[in-house]
Amino acid sequence: MLITLYRADSSGIPHYYTLHDRQGHLFSEFNLTVSWGRNMAVAREKVYQFENQAEMDRKVRGILRGKLTRGYKVLYSYLRSKEMEDIRPVLKAHAV
């Protein structure tokens, strides 16, 4: 999974927010990496670990709900087949 969101502030400067599960973690099979900032080359990053896929999916849905409510748009999304199928229409509705 890889989802990149963005929004422009009042000055027109874009802010990016990316969620992905590509980064492995030594102590957890289920992890989510979140990056954010104006320039993704110097973005801030946070890694979450979960006990199972359902917990991770719940976190992703919560983050997306909050960001989309605050005006972020979907710049790019990739979900594996059969992964979070219920969220696909929401991503498509908020796509640029």
C-alpha atoms as a PDB file:
ATOM      1  CA  MET A   1       0.000   0.000   0.000  1.00  0.00           C
ATOM      2  CA  LEU A   2       1.161   3.497  -0.835  1.00  0.00           C
ATOM      3  CA  ILE A   3      -1.031   6.582  -0.532  1.00  0.00           C
ATOM      4  CA  THR A   4       0.185  10.143  -1.068  1.00  0.00           C
ATOM      5  CA  LEU A   5      -2.020  13.085  -0.128  1.00  0.00           C
ATOM      6  CA  TYR A   6      -1.405  16.777  -0.625  1.00  0.00           C
ATOM      7  CA  ARG A   7      -2.953  20.150   0.005  1.00  0.00           C
ATOM      8  CA  ALA A   8      -1.838  23.699  -0.714  1.00  0.00           C
ATOM      9  CA  ASP A   9      -1.731  26.191   2.147  1.00  0.00           C
ATOM     10  CA  SER A  10      -2.973  29.780   1.857  1.00  0.00           C
ATOM     11  CA  SER A  11       0.349  30.759   0.213  1.00  0.00           C
ATOM     12  CA  GLY A  12      -0.025  28.039  -2.378  1.00  0.00           C
ATOM     13  CA  ILE A  13       2.793  25.957  -0.892  1.00  0.00           C
ATOM     14  CA  PRO A  14       2.019  22.231  -1.157  1.00  0.00           C
ATOM     15  CA  HIS A  15       2.107  19.985   1.912  1.00  0.00           C
ATOM     16  CA  TYR A  16       2.497  16.241   1.378  1.00  0.00           C
ATOM     17  CA  TYR A  17       1.425  13.312   3.543  1.00  0.00           C
ATOM     18  CA  THR A  18       2.392   9.752   2.604  1.00  0.00           C
ATOM     19  CA  LEU A  19       1.374   6.416   4.134  1.00  0.00           C
ATOM     20  CA  HIS A  20       3.022   3.127   3.171  1.00  0.00           C
ATOM     21  CA  ASP A  21       3.643  -0.365   4.470  1.00  0.00           C
ATOM     22  CA  ARG A  22       6.754  -1.071   2.398  1.00  0.00           C
ATOM     23  CA  GLN A  23       9.295  -0.544   5.178  1.00  0.00           C
ATOM     24  CA  GLY A  24       9.958  -3.676   7.198  1.00  0.00           C
ATOM     25  CA  HIS A  25      10.372  -3.665  10.963  1.00  0.00           C
ATOM     26  CA  LEU A  26      12.448  -5.995  13.093  1.00  0.00           C
ATOM     27  CA  PHE A  27       9.844  -6.540  15.824  1.00  0.00           C
ATOM     28  CA  SER A  28       6.530  -6.423  13.983  1.00  0.00           C
ATOM     29  CA  GLU A  29       5.148  -7.951  10.821  1.00  0.00           C
ATOM     30  CA  PHE A  30       2.513  -5.229  10.521  1.00  0.00           C
ATOM     31  CA  ASN A  31       3.819  -1.688  10.333  1.00  0.00           C
ATOM     32  CA  LEU A  32       2.868   1.615   8.792  1.00  0.00           C
ATOM     33  CA  THR A  33       5.235   4.436   7.904  1.00  0.00           C
ATOM     34  CA  VAL A  34       3.847   7.961   7.699  1.00  0.00           C
ATOM     35  CA  SER A  35       5.850  10.850   6.205  1.00  0.00           C
ATOM     36  CA  TRP A  36       4.823  14.482   5.986  1.00  0.00           C
ATOM     37  CA  GLY A  37       6.191  17.886   5.075  1.00  0.00           C
ATOM     38  CA  ARG A  38       6.480  20.517   2.383  1.00  0.00           C
ATOM     39  CA  ASN A  39       9.453  18.840   0.773  1.00  0.00           C
ATOM     40  CA  MET A  40       9.426  15.045   0.907  1.00  0.00           C
ATOM     41  CA  ALA A  41      13.234  14.972   0.699  1.00  0.00           C
ATOM     42  CA  VAL A  42      13.346  16.440   4.231  1.00  0.00           C
ATOM     43  CA  ALA A  43      10.035  15.085   5.504  1.00  0.00           C
ATOM     44  CA  ARG A  44       9.278  14.060   9.047  1.00  0.00           C
ATOM     45  CA  GLU A  45       8.528  10.390   9.547  1.00  0.00           C
ATOM     46  CA  LYS A  46       6.767   8.167  12.069  1.00  0.00           C
ATOM     47  CA  VAL A  47       6.582   4.369  12.109  1.00  0.00           C
ATOM     48  CA  TYR A  48       3.685   2.535  13.760  1.00  0.00           C
ATOM     49  CA  GLN A  49       3.747  -1.174  14.662  1.00  0.00           C
ATOM     50  CA  PHE A  50       0.629  -3.321  15.003  1.00  0.00           C
ATOM     51  CA  GLU A  51      -0.255  -6.790  16.270  1.00  0.00           C
ATOM     52  CA  ASN A  52      -2.362  -7.620  13.203  1.00  0.00           C
ATOM     53  CA  GLN A  53      -3.587  -6.372   9.824  1.00  0.00           C
ATOM     54  CA  ALA A  54      -6.981  -5.270  11.180  1.00  0.00           C
ATOM     55  CA  GLU A  55      -5.347  -2.835  13.643  1.00  0.00           C
ATOM     56  CA  MET A  56      -3.184  -1.380  10.892  1.00  0.00           C
ATOM     57  CA  ASP A  57      -6.142  -0.995   8.527  1.00  0.00           C
ATOM     58  CA  ARG A  58      -8.100   0.787  11.271  1.00  0.00           C
ATOM     59  CA  LYS A  59      -5.212   3.256  11.749  1.00  0.00           C
ATOM     60  CA  VAL A  60      -4.964   3.902   7.996  1.00  0.00           C
ATOM     61  CA  ARG A  61      -8.711   4.569   7.776  1.00  0.00           C
ATOM     62  CA  GLY A  62      -8.544   6.944  10.753  1.00  0.00           C
ATOM     63  CA  ILE A  63      -5.629   8.904   9.292  1.00  0.00           C
ATOM     64  CA  LEU A  64      -7.314   9.145   5.891  1.00  0.00           C
ATOM     65  CA  ARG A  65     -10.614  10.267   7.415  1.00  0.00           C
ATOM     66  CA  GLY A  66      -8.851  13.055   9.312  1.00  0.00           C
ATOM     67  CA  LYS A  67      -6.683  14.246   6.426  1.00  0.00           C
ATOM     68  CA  LEU A  68      -9.455  14.180   3.815  1.00  0.00           C
ATOM     69  CA  THR A  69     -11.715  16.116   6.200  1.00  0.00           C
ATOM     70  CA  ARG A  70      -8.974  18.764   6.495  1.00  0.00           C
ATOM     71  CA  GLY A  71      -8.864  19.293   2.740  1.00  0.00           C
ATOM     72  CA  TYR A  72      -6.136  16.950   1.577  1.00  0.00           C
ATOM     73  CA  LYS A  73      -6.533  15.427  -1.892  1.00  0.00           C
ATOM     74  CA  VAL A  74      -5.243  12.071  -3.110  1.00  0.00           C
ATOM     75  CA  LEU A  75      -2.239  12.596  -5.353  1.00  0.00           C
ATOM     76  CA  TYR A  76      -1.384   8.902  -5.761  1.00  0.00           C
ATOM     77  CA  SER A  77      -2.591   5.600  -4.373  1.00  0.00           C
ATOM     78  CA  TYR A  78      -1.616   1.994  -4.841  1.00  0.00           C
ATOM     79  CA  LEU A  79      -3.339  -0.852  -3.006  1.00  0.00           C
ATOM     80  CA  ARG A  80      -2.637  -4.526  -3.565  1.00  0.00           C
ATOM     81  CA  SER A  81      -5.520  -6.549  -4.952  1.00  0.00           C
ATOM     82  CA  LYS A  82      -8.115  -7.333  -2.281  1.00  0.00           C
ATOM     83  CA  GLU A  83      -6.494  -4.821   0.090  1.00  0.00           C
ATOM     84  CA  MET A  84      -8.890  -2.382   1.808  1.00  0.00           C
ATOM     85  CA  GLU A  85     -11.411  -2.617  -1.031  1.00  0.00           C
ATOM     86  CA  ASP A  86     -13.907  -0.449   0.857  1.00  0.00           C
ATOM     87  CA  ILE A  87     -11.506   2.523   0.874  1.00  0.00           C
ATOM     88  CA  ARG A  88     -10.905   2.543  -2.906  1.00  0.00           C
ATOM     89  CA  PRO A  89     -14.042   4.565  -3.759  1.00  0.00           C
ATOM     90  CA  VAL A  90     -13.137   7.132  -1.082  1.00  0.00           C
ATOM     91  CA  LEU A  91      -9.641   7.527  -2.533  1.00  0.00           C
ATOM     92  CA  LYS A  92     -11.065   7.850  -6.040  1.00  0.00           C
ATOM     93  CA  ALA A  93     -13.614  10.478  -4.904  1.00  0.00           C
ATOM     94  CA  HIS A  94     -10.817  12.632  -3.422  1.00  0.00           C
ATOM     95  CA  ALA A  95      -8.304  12.150  -6.233  1.00  0.00           C
ATOM     96  CA  VAL A  96      -6.830  15.055  -8.134  1.00  0.00           C
END
